[in-house]
Amino acid sequence: MNMTPAYVVDGIKSIAIHNGVARVLFMRLDADGEPLPAVELDIPLNQLEAITTAIGNI
């Protein structure tokens, strides 16, 4: 069985573009409702449109 990690996120903390890569920092809320960094997703810019379209089709 493949154990691919799964992350629960509550929102996006920041988005930055540098050297042809979009870096999306997702955040989660702690027990007090304070935002904490959860995971960073690095997307090559030449794939960004395809990925955002796929997510928008969910």
N, C-alpha and C. Protein backbone atom coordinates (compact mmCIF):
# COMPACT_ATOMS: atom_id res chain seq x y z
N MET A 1 0.84 -1.18 0.00
CA MET A 1 0.00 0.00 0.00
C MET A 1 0.88 1.24 0.00
N ASN A 2 0.59 2.17 -0.89
CA ASN A 2 1.35 3.41 -1.00
C ASN A 2 0.91 4.38 0.10
N MET A 3 1.85 4.87 0.88
CA MET A 3 1.54 5.78 1.98
C MET A 3 1.90 7.22 1.59
N THR A 4 1.11 7.80 0.71
CA THR A 4 1.32 9.18 0.30
C THR A 4 0.85 10.10 1.43
N PRO A 5 1.69 11.08 1.83
CA PRO A 5 1.26 11.96 2.92
C PRO A 5 0.07 12.81 2.52
N ALA A 6 -0.78 13.09 3.47
CA ALA A 6 -1.94 13.97 3.27
C ALA A 6 -1.84 15.11 4.28
N TYR A 7 -2.22 16.29 3.84
CA TYR A 7 -2.16 17.48 4.69
C TYR A 7 -3.52 18.14 4.73
N VAL A 8 -3.95 18.54 5.90
CA VAL A 8 -5.17 19.32 6.05
C VAL A 8 -4.75 20.78 6.15
N VAL A 9 -5.32 21.62 5.29
CA VAL A 9 -4.99 23.04 5.30
C VAL A 9 -6.28 23.84 5.42
N ASP A 10 -6.17 25.02 6.02
CA ASP A 10 -7.32 25.89 6.20
C ASP A 10 -7.29 27.11 5.28
N GLY A 11 -6.17 27.33 4.62
CA GLY A 11 -6.08 28.47 3.73
C GLY A 11 -4.68 28.65 3.20
N ILE A 12 -4.49 29.74 2.47
CA ILE A 12 -3.19 30.09 1.90
C ILE A 12 -2.63 31.27 2.69
N LYS A 13 -1.41 31.11 3.16
CA LYS A 13 -0.76 32.18 3.92
C LYS A 13 -0.05 33.16 2.98
N SER A 14 0.63 32.63 1.95
CA SER A 14 1.31 33.52 1.01
C SER A 14 1.59 32.79 -0.30
N ILE A 15 1.78 33.59 -1.35
CA ILE A 15 2.17 33.09 -2.65
C ILE A 15 3.31 33.97 -3.15
N ALA A 16 4.39 33.35 -3.61
CA ALA A 16 5.52 34.09 -4.14
C ALA A 16 5.98 33.41 -5.43
N ILE A 17 6.50 34.20 -6.36
CA ILE A 17 7.06 33.66 -7.59
C ILE A 17 8.52 34.07 -7.64
N HIS A 18 9.39 33.07 -7.83
CA HIS A 18 10.83 33.33 -7.87
C HIS A 18 11.49 32.27 -8.74
N ASN A 19 12.31 32.71 -9.67
CA ASN A 19 13.06 31.81 -10.54
C ASN A 19 12.17 30.80 -11.26
N GLY A 20 11.01 31.26 -11.75
CA GLY A 20 10.14 30.40 -12.53
C GLY A 20 9.34 29.39 -11.73
N VAL A 21 9.26 29.60 -10.42
CA VAL A 21 8.51 28.68 -9.56
C VAL A 21 7.56 29.48 -8.69
N ALA A 22 6.29 29.06 -8.69
CA ALA A 22 5.30 29.65 -7.78
C ALA A 22 5.36 28.85 -6.48
N ARG A 23 5.57 29.55 -5.38
CA ARG A 23 5.64 28.91 -4.07
C ARG A 23 4.39 29.31 -3.28
N VAL A 24 3.57 28.31 -2.97
CA VAL A 24 2.32 28.55 -2.26
C VAL A 24 2.48 27.98 -0.86
N LEU A 25 2.43 28.86 0.15
CA LEU A 25 2.54 28.43 1.54
C LEU A 25 1.13 28.32 2.12
N PHE A 26 0.73 27.10 2.42
CA PHE A 26 -0.58 26.85 3.02
C PHE A 26 -0.47 26.95 4.53
N MET A 27 -1.58 27.27 5.17
CA MET A 27 -1.59 27.36 6.63
C MET A 27 -2.74 26.54 7.19
N ARG A 28 -2.60 26.23 8.45
CA ARG A 28 -3.64 25.54 9.20
C ARG A 28 -3.89 26.35 10.46
N LEU A 29 -5.02 26.15 11.09
CA LEU A 29 -5.34 26.86 12.32
C LEU A 29 -5.08 25.95 13.51
N ASP A 30 -4.44 26.52 14.55
CA ASP A 30 -4.21 25.73 15.76
C ASP A 30 -5.47 25.75 16.62
N ALA A 31 -5.40 25.15 17.80
CA ALA A 31 -6.57 25.02 18.67
C ALA A 31 -7.15 26.37 19.09
N ASP A 32 -6.31 27.42 19.08
CA ASP A 32 -6.77 28.77 19.45
C ASP A 32 -7.19 29.59 18.24
N GLY A 33 -7.18 28.98 17.06
CA GLY A 33 -7.57 29.69 15.84
C GLY A 33 -6.46 30.52 15.23
N GLU A 34 -5.23 30.35 15.72
CA GLU A 34 -4.08 31.08 15.19
C GLU A 34 -3.50 30.34 13.99
N PRO A 35 -3.12 31.06 12.93
CA PRO A 35 -2.57 30.39 11.75
C PRO A 35 -1.14 29.90 11.98
N LEU A 36 -0.87 28.69 11.49
CA LEU A 36 0.46 28.09 11.53
C LEU A 36 0.81 27.59 10.13
N PRO A 37 2.09 27.67 9.72
CA PRO A 37 2.45 27.10 8.42
C PRO A 37 2.15 25.61 8.40
N ALA A 38 1.62 25.11 7.27
CA ALA A 38 1.29 23.69 7.16
C ALA A 38 2.20 22.98 6.16
N VAL A 39 2.25 23.47 4.94
CA VAL A 39 3.04 22.83 3.88
C VAL A 39 3.26 23.84 2.76
N GLU A 40 4.37 23.72 2.05
CA GLU A 40 4.65 24.58 0.90
C GLU A 40 4.54 23.75 -0.36
N LEU A 41 3.83 24.28 -1.35
CA LEU A 41 3.68 23.64 -2.64
C LEU A 41 4.45 24.47 -3.66
N ASP A 42 5.43 23.86 -4.32
CA ASP A 42 6.25 24.55 -5.32
C ASP A 42 5.81 24.07 -6.70
N ILE A 43 5.35 25.01 -7.54
CA ILE A 43 4.79 24.68 -8.85
C ILE A 43 5.59 25.41 -9.93
N PRO A 44 6.17 24.67 -10.88
CA PRO A 44 6.83 25.35 -12.01
C PRO A 44 5.80 26.20 -12.76
N LEU A 45 6.17 27.41 -13.13
CA LEU A 45 5.22 28.32 -13.77
C LEU A 45 4.62 27.75 -15.05
N ASN A 46 5.37 26.91 -15.78
CA ASN A 46 4.81 26.36 -17.01
C ASN A 46 3.73 25.32 -16.73
N GLN A 47 3.53 24.91 -15.48
CA GLN A 47 2.48 23.98 -15.10
C GLN A 47 1.36 24.64 -14.31
N LEU A 48 1.53 25.91 -13.97
CA LEU A 48 0.59 26.60 -13.07
C LEU A 48 -0.83 26.65 -13.63
N GLU A 49 -0.99 26.99 -14.90
CA GLU A 49 -2.33 27.09 -15.47
C GLU A 49 -3.05 25.74 -15.45
N ALA A 50 -2.35 24.67 -15.81
CA ALA A 50 -2.97 23.34 -15.82
C ALA A 50 -3.39 22.91 -14.42
N ILE A 51 -2.57 23.21 -13.43
CA ILE A 51 -2.87 22.82 -12.05
C ILE A 51 -4.03 23.63 -11.50
N THR A 52 -4.03 24.95 -11.73
CA THR A 52 -5.13 25.76 -11.22
C THR A 52 -6.44 25.43 -11.92
N THR A 53 -6.39 25.09 -13.20
CA THR A 53 -7.60 24.66 -13.91
C THR A 53 -8.13 23.37 -13.32
N ALA A 54 -7.24 22.42 -13.07
CA ALA A 54 -7.66 21.13 -12.50
C ALA A 54 -8.29 21.33 -11.12
N ILE A 55 -7.70 22.18 -10.29
CA ILE A 55 -8.25 22.43 -8.97
C ILE A 55 -9.60 23.14 -9.09
N GLY A 56 -9.71 24.07 -10.03
CA GLY A 56 -10.97 24.79 -10.23
C GLY A 56 -12.10 23.89 -10.72
N ASN A 57 -11.76 22.77 -11.32
CA ASN A 57 -12.78 21.83 -11.82
C ASN A 57 -13.28 20.86 -10.77
N ILE A 58 -12.74 20.94 -9.58
CA ILE A 58 -13.18 20.01 -8.51
C ILE A 58 -14.59 20.33 -8.11
